[in-house]
N, C-alpha and C. Protein backbone atom coordinates (compact mmCIF):
# COMPACT_ATOMS: atom_id res chain seq x y z
N MET A 1 35.95 32.75 10.30
CA MET A 1 36.37 31.56 10.99
C MET A 1 35.29 30.50 10.83
N SER A 2 35.68 29.30 10.47
CA SER A 2 34.73 28.20 10.28
C SER A 2 34.51 27.45 11.58
N CYS A 3 33.41 26.74 11.64
CA CYS A 3 33.14 25.95 12.84
C CYS A 3 32.42 24.67 12.46
N VAL A 4 32.47 23.74 13.37
CA VAL A 4 31.77 22.47 13.24
C VAL A 4 30.81 22.39 14.42
N ILE A 5 29.56 22.04 14.16
CA ILE A 5 28.57 21.90 15.23
C ILE A 5 28.41 20.41 15.53
N ILE A 6 28.58 20.05 16.77
CA ILE A 6 28.41 18.66 17.20
C ILE A 6 27.14 18.60 18.03
N THR A 7 26.22 17.72 17.67
CA THR A 7 24.95 17.58 18.39
C THR A 7 24.94 16.24 19.12
N TYR A 8 24.54 16.28 20.37
CA TYR A 8 24.45 15.08 21.18
C TYR A 8 22.98 14.73 21.41
N ASN A 9 22.63 13.48 21.24
CA ASN A 9 21.28 13.01 21.58
C ASN A 9 21.25 12.65 23.06
N ASN A 10 20.12 12.90 23.69
CA ASN A 10 19.92 12.57 25.10
C ASN A 10 21.07 13.09 25.96
N CYS A 11 21.28 14.38 25.89
CA CYS A 11 22.38 15.03 26.60
C CYS A 11 22.19 14.91 28.11
N SER A 12 23.22 14.52 28.83
CA SER A 12 23.13 14.39 30.28
C SER A 12 23.30 15.73 30.99
N VAL A 13 23.89 16.71 30.32
CA VAL A 13 24.11 18.03 30.91
C VAL A 13 22.80 18.81 30.97
N CYS A 14 21.97 18.70 29.96
CA CYS A 14 20.72 19.45 29.87
C CYS A 14 19.55 18.48 30.10
N PRO A 15 19.02 18.40 31.33
CA PRO A 15 17.98 17.40 31.60
C PRO A 15 16.66 17.66 30.88
N PHE A 16 16.40 18.89 30.46
CA PHE A 16 15.12 19.21 29.84
C PHE A 16 15.17 19.20 28.32
N GLN A 17 16.34 19.01 27.74
CA GLN A 17 16.48 19.03 26.29
C GLN A 17 16.93 17.66 25.80
N MET A 18 16.48 17.33 24.62
CA MET A 18 16.90 16.06 24.04
C MET A 18 18.25 16.19 23.33
N TYR A 19 18.56 17.39 22.84
CA TYR A 19 19.79 17.60 22.08
C TYR A 19 20.62 18.71 22.71
N CYS A 20 21.91 18.52 22.72
CA CYS A 20 22.84 19.57 23.11
C CYS A 20 23.79 19.78 21.94
N CYS A 21 24.25 20.99 21.76
CA CYS A 21 25.19 21.29 20.68
C CYS A 21 26.48 21.83 21.24
N GLN A 22 27.55 21.49 20.59
CA GLN A 22 28.85 22.02 20.94
C GLN A 22 29.46 22.57 19.67
N GLN A 23 29.92 23.81 19.72
CA GLN A 23 30.52 24.44 18.55
C GLN A 23 32.03 24.33 18.67
N VAL A 24 32.66 23.79 17.65
CA VAL A 24 34.11 23.62 17.63
C VAL A 24 34.66 24.52 16.53
N LEU A 25 35.51 25.47 16.91
CA LEU A 25 36.09 26.38 15.92
C LEU A 25 37.25 25.71 15.21
N VAL A 26 37.32 25.90 13.90
CA VAL A 26 38.33 25.26 13.08
C VAL A 26 39.38 26.27 12.62
N GLY A 27 39.28 27.49 13.05
CA GLY A 27 40.16 28.56 12.58
C GLY A 27 41.63 28.33 12.85
N LYS A 28 41.96 27.56 13.89
CA LYS A 28 43.37 27.33 14.23
C LYS A 28 44.04 26.33 13.30
N ASN A 29 43.26 25.59 12.54
CA ASN A 29 43.80 24.56 11.65
C ASN A 29 43.29 24.80 10.23
N PRO A 30 43.94 25.69 9.47
CA PRO A 30 43.44 26.01 8.13
C PRO A 30 43.51 24.84 7.15
N GLU A 31 44.32 23.81 7.42
CA GLU A 31 44.37 22.66 6.51
C GLU A 31 43.08 21.84 6.58
N LEU A 32 42.37 21.94 7.69
CA LEU A 32 41.16 21.15 7.88
C LEU A 32 39.96 21.72 7.13
N ILE A 33 39.94 23.02 6.90
CA ILE A 33 38.79 23.67 6.27
C ILE A 33 38.51 23.12 4.87
N PRO A 34 39.52 22.98 3.98
CA PRO A 34 39.22 22.42 2.65
C PRO A 34 38.72 20.97 2.71
N ILE A 35 39.20 20.21 3.68
CA ILE A 35 38.76 18.82 3.80
C ILE A 35 37.30 18.76 4.22
N LEU A 36 36.93 19.56 5.22
CA LEU A 36 35.53 19.59 5.67
C LEU A 36 34.62 20.14 4.57
N THR A 37 35.11 21.13 3.83
CA THR A 37 34.34 21.67 2.70
C THR A 37 34.12 20.59 1.66
N PHE A 38 35.15 19.81 1.37
CA PHE A 38 35.04 18.72 0.40
C PHE A 38 33.99 17.70 0.83
N LEU A 39 34.01 17.32 2.10
CA LEU A 39 33.03 16.34 2.60
C LEU A 39 31.61 16.88 2.49
N CYS A 40 31.42 18.15 2.83
CA CYS A 40 30.08 18.76 2.74
C CYS A 40 29.63 18.88 1.29
N GLU A 41 30.56 19.15 0.37
CA GLU A 41 30.21 19.22 -1.05
C GLU A 41 29.81 17.84 -1.58
N GLN A 42 30.51 16.79 -1.14
CA GLN A 42 30.17 15.44 -1.57
C GLN A 42 28.80 15.02 -1.03
N SER A 43 28.51 15.42 0.19
CA SER A 43 27.19 15.15 0.76
C SER A 43 26.11 15.88 -0.03
N HIS A 44 26.40 17.09 -0.45
CA HIS A 44 25.47 17.89 -1.26
C HIS A 44 25.19 17.18 -2.60
N LYS A 45 26.24 16.70 -3.24
CA LYS A 45 26.08 16.01 -4.53
C LYS A 45 25.31 14.70 -4.36
N LEU A 46 25.59 13.99 -3.28
CA LEU A 46 24.87 12.74 -3.01
C LEU A 46 23.39 13.02 -2.75
N THR A 47 23.10 14.11 -2.07
CA THR A 47 21.71 14.51 -1.83
C THR A 47 21.00 14.77 -3.15
N ASN A 48 21.63 15.53 -4.04
CA ASN A 48 21.02 15.82 -5.34
C ASN A 48 20.82 14.55 -6.17
N MET A 49 21.76 13.61 -6.08
CA MET A 49 21.61 12.36 -6.81
C MET A 49 20.42 11.56 -6.29
N GLY A 50 20.26 11.55 -4.97
CA GLY A 50 19.12 10.86 -4.38
C GLY A 50 17.80 11.50 -4.77
N ILE A 51 17.78 12.83 -4.80
CA ILE A 51 16.57 13.55 -5.22
C ILE A 51 16.26 13.24 -6.68
N TYR A 52 17.29 13.20 -7.52
CA TYR A 52 17.09 12.88 -8.93
C TYR A 52 16.44 11.50 -9.08
N TYR A 53 16.99 10.52 -8.39
CA TYR A 53 16.47 9.15 -8.49
C TYR A 53 15.02 9.08 -8.00
N GLY A 54 14.75 9.73 -6.88
CA GLY A 54 13.39 9.73 -6.34
C GLY A 54 12.39 10.40 -7.26
N ARG A 55 12.79 11.51 -7.87
CA ARG A 55 11.91 12.22 -8.79
C ARG A 55 11.64 11.39 -10.05
N GLN A 56 12.69 10.74 -10.57
CA GLN A 56 12.53 9.94 -11.78
C GLN A 56 11.59 8.76 -11.53
N LEU A 57 11.75 8.10 -10.38
CA LEU A 57 10.85 6.99 -10.06
C LEU A 57 9.41 7.47 -9.96
N TYR A 58 9.23 8.63 -9.36
CA TYR A 58 7.87 9.14 -9.17
C TYR A 58 7.25 9.55 -10.50
N PHE A 59 8.01 10.28 -11.34
CA PHE A 59 7.45 10.78 -12.59
C PHE A 59 7.22 9.67 -13.62
N LYS A 60 8.13 8.70 -13.69
CA LYS A 60 8.04 7.68 -14.73
C LYS A 60 7.16 6.50 -14.35
N ALA A 61 7.19 6.08 -13.09
CA ALA A 61 6.46 4.87 -12.70
C ALA A 61 5.50 5.09 -11.53
N ARG A 62 5.47 6.30 -10.98
CA ARG A 62 4.63 6.60 -9.81
C ARG A 62 4.94 5.65 -8.65
N ILE A 63 6.23 5.35 -8.51
CA ILE A 63 6.70 4.49 -7.43
C ILE A 63 7.41 5.36 -6.41
N GLY A 64 7.18 5.09 -5.16
CA GLY A 64 7.88 5.80 -4.09
C GLY A 64 9.16 5.09 -3.72
N ILE A 65 10.10 5.84 -3.16
CA ILE A 65 11.35 5.23 -2.72
C ILE A 65 11.25 4.86 -1.25
N GLY A 66 11.84 3.75 -0.91
CA GLY A 66 11.86 3.29 0.47
C GLY A 66 13.09 3.80 1.20
N LYS A 67 13.16 3.50 2.47
CA LYS A 67 14.24 4.00 3.33
C LYS A 67 15.62 3.54 2.87
N PHE A 68 15.72 2.31 2.38
CA PHE A 68 17.02 1.74 2.02
C PHE A 68 17.25 1.64 0.51
N ASP A 69 16.29 2.05 -0.29
CA ASP A 69 16.42 1.93 -1.74
C ASP A 69 17.60 2.74 -2.29
N LEU A 70 17.75 3.95 -1.81
CA LEU A 70 18.82 4.81 -2.34
C LEU A 70 20.20 4.26 -2.00
N GLU A 71 20.33 3.65 -0.82
CA GLU A 71 21.62 3.08 -0.43
C GLU A 71 22.02 1.95 -1.37
N LYS A 72 21.06 1.13 -1.77
CA LYS A 72 21.34 0.02 -2.69
C LYS A 72 21.77 0.55 -4.05
N VAL A 73 21.15 1.63 -4.50
CA VAL A 73 21.44 2.18 -5.82
C VAL A 73 22.81 2.84 -5.85
N TYR A 74 23.16 3.56 -4.81
CA TYR A 74 24.36 4.40 -4.84
C TYR A 74 25.55 3.87 -4.04
N LYS A 75 25.49 2.64 -3.56
CA LYS A 75 26.58 2.15 -2.72
C LYS A 75 27.93 2.06 -3.45
N ASN A 76 27.93 1.98 -4.77
CA ASN A 76 29.19 1.93 -5.53
C ASN A 76 29.55 3.27 -6.16
N ASN A 77 28.82 4.31 -5.82
CA ASN A 77 29.06 5.63 -6.39
C ASN A 77 30.23 6.32 -5.68
N TYR A 78 30.97 7.14 -6.42
CA TYR A 78 32.13 7.85 -5.87
C TYR A 78 31.74 8.72 -4.68
N HIS A 79 30.66 9.49 -4.80
CA HIS A 79 30.27 10.42 -3.74
C HIS A 79 29.86 9.67 -2.47
N TYR A 80 29.32 8.48 -2.63
CA TYR A 80 28.95 7.63 -1.49
C TYR A 80 30.21 7.07 -0.83
N LYS A 81 31.15 6.61 -1.65
CA LYS A 81 32.36 5.97 -1.13
C LYS A 81 33.30 6.94 -0.42
N VAL A 82 33.29 8.21 -0.84
CA VAL A 82 34.18 9.19 -0.23
C VAL A 82 33.78 9.45 1.22
N LEU A 83 32.48 9.45 1.48
CA LEU A 83 31.99 9.70 2.83
C LEU A 83 32.08 8.42 3.67
N TYR A 84 32.14 8.60 4.96
CA TYR A 84 32.03 7.48 5.89
C TYR A 84 30.68 6.82 5.63
N SER A 85 30.62 5.50 5.60
CA SER A 85 29.41 4.81 5.14
C SER A 85 28.16 5.21 5.91
N GLN A 86 28.26 5.33 7.22
CA GLN A 86 27.08 5.70 8.00
C GLN A 86 26.67 7.15 7.76
N ALA A 87 27.63 8.01 7.45
CA ALA A 87 27.30 9.41 7.13
C ALA A 87 26.60 9.47 5.77
N ALA A 88 27.07 8.69 4.81
CA ALA A 88 26.43 8.65 3.49
C ALA A 88 25.03 8.06 3.59
N GLN A 89 24.87 7.03 4.41
CA GLN A 89 23.55 6.43 4.60
C GLN A 89 22.59 7.44 5.21
N GLN A 90 23.07 8.22 6.18
CA GLN A 90 22.21 9.22 6.81
C GLN A 90 21.79 10.29 5.81
N THR A 91 22.70 10.68 4.93
CA THR A 91 22.38 11.66 3.90
C THR A 91 21.26 11.14 2.99
N LEU A 92 21.38 9.89 2.54
CA LEU A 92 20.37 9.32 1.66
C LEU A 92 19.05 9.05 2.38
N ARG A 93 19.13 8.71 3.65
CA ARG A 93 17.89 8.50 4.42
C ARG A 93 17.13 9.81 4.61
N THR A 94 17.86 10.91 4.71
CA THR A 94 17.21 12.22 4.80
C THR A 94 16.43 12.51 3.53
N VAL A 95 17.00 12.16 2.38
CA VAL A 95 16.30 12.33 1.10
C VAL A 95 15.06 11.45 1.06
N ALA A 96 15.20 10.19 1.46
CA ALA A 96 14.06 9.28 1.47
C ALA A 96 12.97 9.78 2.42
N GLU A 97 13.37 10.36 3.53
CA GLU A 97 12.41 10.90 4.49
C GLU A 97 11.63 12.07 3.89
N SER A 98 12.31 12.91 3.12
CA SER A 98 11.61 14.04 2.50
C SER A 98 10.59 13.55 1.46
N PHE A 99 10.92 12.49 0.74
CA PHE A 99 9.96 11.93 -0.22
C PHE A 99 8.80 11.24 0.50
N ARG A 100 9.08 10.56 1.60
CA ARG A 100 8.02 9.92 2.37
C ARG A 100 7.05 10.98 2.91
N SER A 101 7.59 12.10 3.33
CA SER A 101 6.75 13.21 3.79
C SER A 101 5.89 13.73 2.66
N TYR A 102 6.49 13.85 1.47
CA TYR A 102 5.74 14.32 0.30
C TYR A 102 4.59 13.37 -0.02
N TYR A 103 4.85 12.06 0.01
CA TYR A 103 3.80 11.09 -0.30
C TYR A 103 2.65 11.20 0.71
N GLY A 104 3.00 11.40 1.97
CA GLY A 104 1.97 11.57 2.99
C GLY A 104 1.14 12.82 2.78
N LEU A 105 1.81 13.90 2.35
CA LEU A 105 1.09 15.14 2.07
C LEU A 105 0.17 15.01 0.86
N ILE A 106 0.60 14.24 -0.14
CA ILE A 106 -0.26 14.01 -1.32
C ILE A 106 -1.53 13.27 -0.90
N ILE A 107 -1.38 12.28 -0.04
CA ILE A 107 -2.56 11.54 0.44
C ILE A 107 -3.49 12.48 1.21
N ALA A 108 -2.90 13.31 2.07
CA ALA A 108 -3.71 14.26 2.84
C ALA A 108 -4.40 15.26 1.91
N TYR A 109 -3.73 15.67 0.85
CA TYR A 109 -4.33 16.60 -0.11
C TYR A 109 -5.50 15.94 -0.84
N ASN A 110 -5.32 14.69 -1.25
CA ASN A 110 -6.38 13.96 -1.95
C ASN A 110 -7.60 13.71 -1.06
N GLU A 111 -7.37 13.60 0.24
CA GLU A 111 -8.47 13.41 1.18
C GLU A 111 -9.11 14.74 1.59
N GLY A 112 -8.53 15.85 1.14
CA GLY A 112 -9.08 17.16 1.46
C GLY A 112 -8.64 17.72 2.81
N LYS A 113 -7.62 17.13 3.42
CA LYS A 113 -7.16 17.60 4.73
C LYS A 113 -6.30 18.85 4.63
N ILE A 114 -5.63 19.04 3.50
CA ILE A 114 -4.85 20.27 3.29
C ILE A 114 -5.34 20.94 2.01
N GLU A 115 -5.18 22.25 1.98
CA GLU A 115 -5.76 23.05 0.90
C GLU A 115 -4.89 23.12 -0.35
N HIS A 116 -3.60 23.34 -0.16
CA HIS A 116 -2.69 23.54 -1.30
C HIS A 116 -1.97 22.24 -1.65
N ARG A 117 -1.84 21.98 -2.94
CA ARG A 117 -1.15 20.78 -3.40
C ARG A 117 0.33 20.88 -3.05
N PRO A 118 0.89 19.86 -2.39
CA PRO A 118 2.31 19.89 -2.05
C PRO A 118 3.18 19.71 -3.30
N ARG A 119 4.40 20.20 -3.21
CA ARG A 119 5.34 20.07 -4.33
C ARG A 119 6.38 19.00 -4.00
N ILE A 120 6.77 18.29 -5.02
CA ILE A 120 7.77 17.23 -4.87
C ILE A 120 9.10 17.87 -4.46
N PRO A 121 9.91 17.17 -3.65
CA PRO A 121 11.20 17.74 -3.25
C PRO A 121 12.02 18.17 -4.46
N ASN A 122 12.59 19.35 -4.38
CA ASN A 122 13.34 19.92 -5.48
C ASN A 122 14.83 19.77 -5.24
N TYR A 123 15.62 19.97 -6.29
CA TYR A 123 17.07 19.86 -6.20
C TYR A 123 17.64 21.00 -5.37
N ARG A 124 18.81 20.74 -4.81
CA ARG A 124 19.55 21.79 -4.11
C ARG A 124 20.34 22.58 -5.15
N LYS A 125 20.71 23.81 -4.80
CA LYS A 125 21.44 24.66 -5.74
C LYS A 125 22.83 24.09 -6.00
N LYS A 126 23.29 24.26 -7.23
CA LYS A 126 24.60 23.75 -7.64
C LYS A 126 25.70 24.46 -6.86
N GLY A 127 26.71 23.69 -6.46
CA GLY A 127 27.86 24.26 -5.79
C GLY A 127 27.68 24.49 -4.31
N GLY A 128 26.63 23.96 -3.72
CA GLY A 128 26.38 24.17 -2.30
C GLY A 128 27.00 23.09 -1.44
N MET A 129 26.68 23.16 -0.16
CA MET A 129 27.16 22.18 0.80
C MET A 129 25.98 21.65 1.60
N ALA A 130 26.08 20.42 2.03
CA ALA A 130 25.03 19.80 2.85
C ALA A 130 25.66 19.29 4.14
N THR A 131 24.83 19.07 5.11
CA THR A 131 25.28 18.58 6.41
C THR A 131 25.77 17.14 6.29
N VAL A 132 26.86 16.86 6.98
CA VAL A 132 27.37 15.49 7.08
C VAL A 132 27.17 15.07 8.53
N SER A 133 26.38 14.04 8.75
CA SER A 133 26.07 13.58 10.11
C SER A 133 26.83 12.30 10.40
N TYR A 134 27.59 12.32 11.49
CA TYR A 134 28.31 11.13 11.93
C TYR A 134 27.64 10.58 13.18
N PRO A 135 27.54 9.26 13.30
CA PRO A 135 27.03 8.70 14.55
C PRO A 135 28.07 8.86 15.65
N LYS A 136 27.61 8.82 16.87
CA LYS A 136 28.50 9.02 18.02
C LYS A 136 29.65 8.02 18.02
N GLN A 137 29.39 6.78 17.63
CA GLN A 137 30.42 5.75 17.66
C GLN A 137 31.54 6.00 16.65
N ALA A 138 31.30 6.84 15.65
CA ALA A 138 32.30 7.07 14.61
C ALA A 138 33.34 8.10 15.02
N LEU A 139 32.97 9.03 15.89
CA LEU A 139 33.88 10.08 16.30
C LEU A 139 34.70 9.62 17.50
N LYS A 140 35.99 9.89 17.45
CA LYS A 140 36.89 9.51 18.54
C LYS A 140 37.55 10.76 19.09
N LEU A 141 37.67 10.83 20.40
CA LEU A 141 38.37 11.93 21.06
C LEU A 141 39.72 11.41 21.51
N LYS A 142 40.79 11.96 20.92
CA LYS A 142 42.13 11.50 21.24
C LYS A 142 43.03 12.72 21.36
N ASP A 143 43.75 12.84 22.46
CA ASP A 143 44.65 13.97 22.72
C ASP A 143 43.91 15.29 22.56
N ASN A 144 42.71 15.37 23.11
CA ASN A 144 41.88 16.58 23.07
C ASN A 144 41.54 17.01 21.65
N GLN A 145 41.54 16.07 20.71
CA GLN A 145 41.16 16.35 19.33
C GLN A 145 40.13 15.33 18.88
N ILE A 146 39.20 15.79 18.05
CA ILE A 146 38.19 14.90 17.51
C ILE A 146 38.71 14.28 16.22
N ARG A 147 38.68 12.96 16.16
CA ARG A 147 39.09 12.25 14.94
C ARG A 147 37.85 11.91 14.14
N ILE A 148 37.82 12.39 12.90
CA ILE A 148 36.70 12.14 12.01
C ILE A 148 37.10 11.02 11.06
N PRO A 149 36.29 9.98 10.93
CA PRO A 149 36.66 8.87 10.05
C PRO A 149 36.75 9.30 8.59
N ARG A 150 37.58 8.61 7.86
CA ARG A 150 37.79 8.80 6.42
C ARG A 150 38.69 9.98 6.09
N LEU A 151 39.05 10.82 7.03
CA LEU A 151 39.90 11.96 6.70
C LEU A 151 41.32 11.51 6.38
N GLU A 152 41.76 10.39 6.94
CA GLU A 152 43.11 9.93 6.65
C GLU A 152 43.25 9.42 5.23
N TYR A 153 42.13 9.13 4.56
CA TYR A 153 42.19 8.64 3.18
C TYR A 153 42.18 9.76 2.15
N LEU A 154 41.82 10.97 2.57
CA LEU A 154 41.70 12.08 1.62
C LEU A 154 43.03 12.75 1.38
């Protein structure tokens, strides 16, 4: 049985935690499973494309990628367009964040603060799935069902 995990920021139910999770089982609606799988696969491909671009910039020109650089490069790409725009942006920002972390670790290594040389972010395995993150404003609750944007277009 498949499930979807919904995470809430600043949960009012749990006063001591910043995040709360709700697990939604999808087993009752088998038509939804291939659609969610498709979205996760597209997010996975978009992640690998972002990693490719970041690695190429680093190896060829020793330039780092910024937070919004990947969005500008891939905004007309099929994998970007299939996802809800804010979900695709979050996927690419996660890639940019991993490269920013790598650059910080390289600086720390050069200053002698860490012992082992960090490795540049590597590609994800082919045929996998990645997390698709939707902002709270994108999800709608109607008739006790969660409406996910862009599913009506697939």
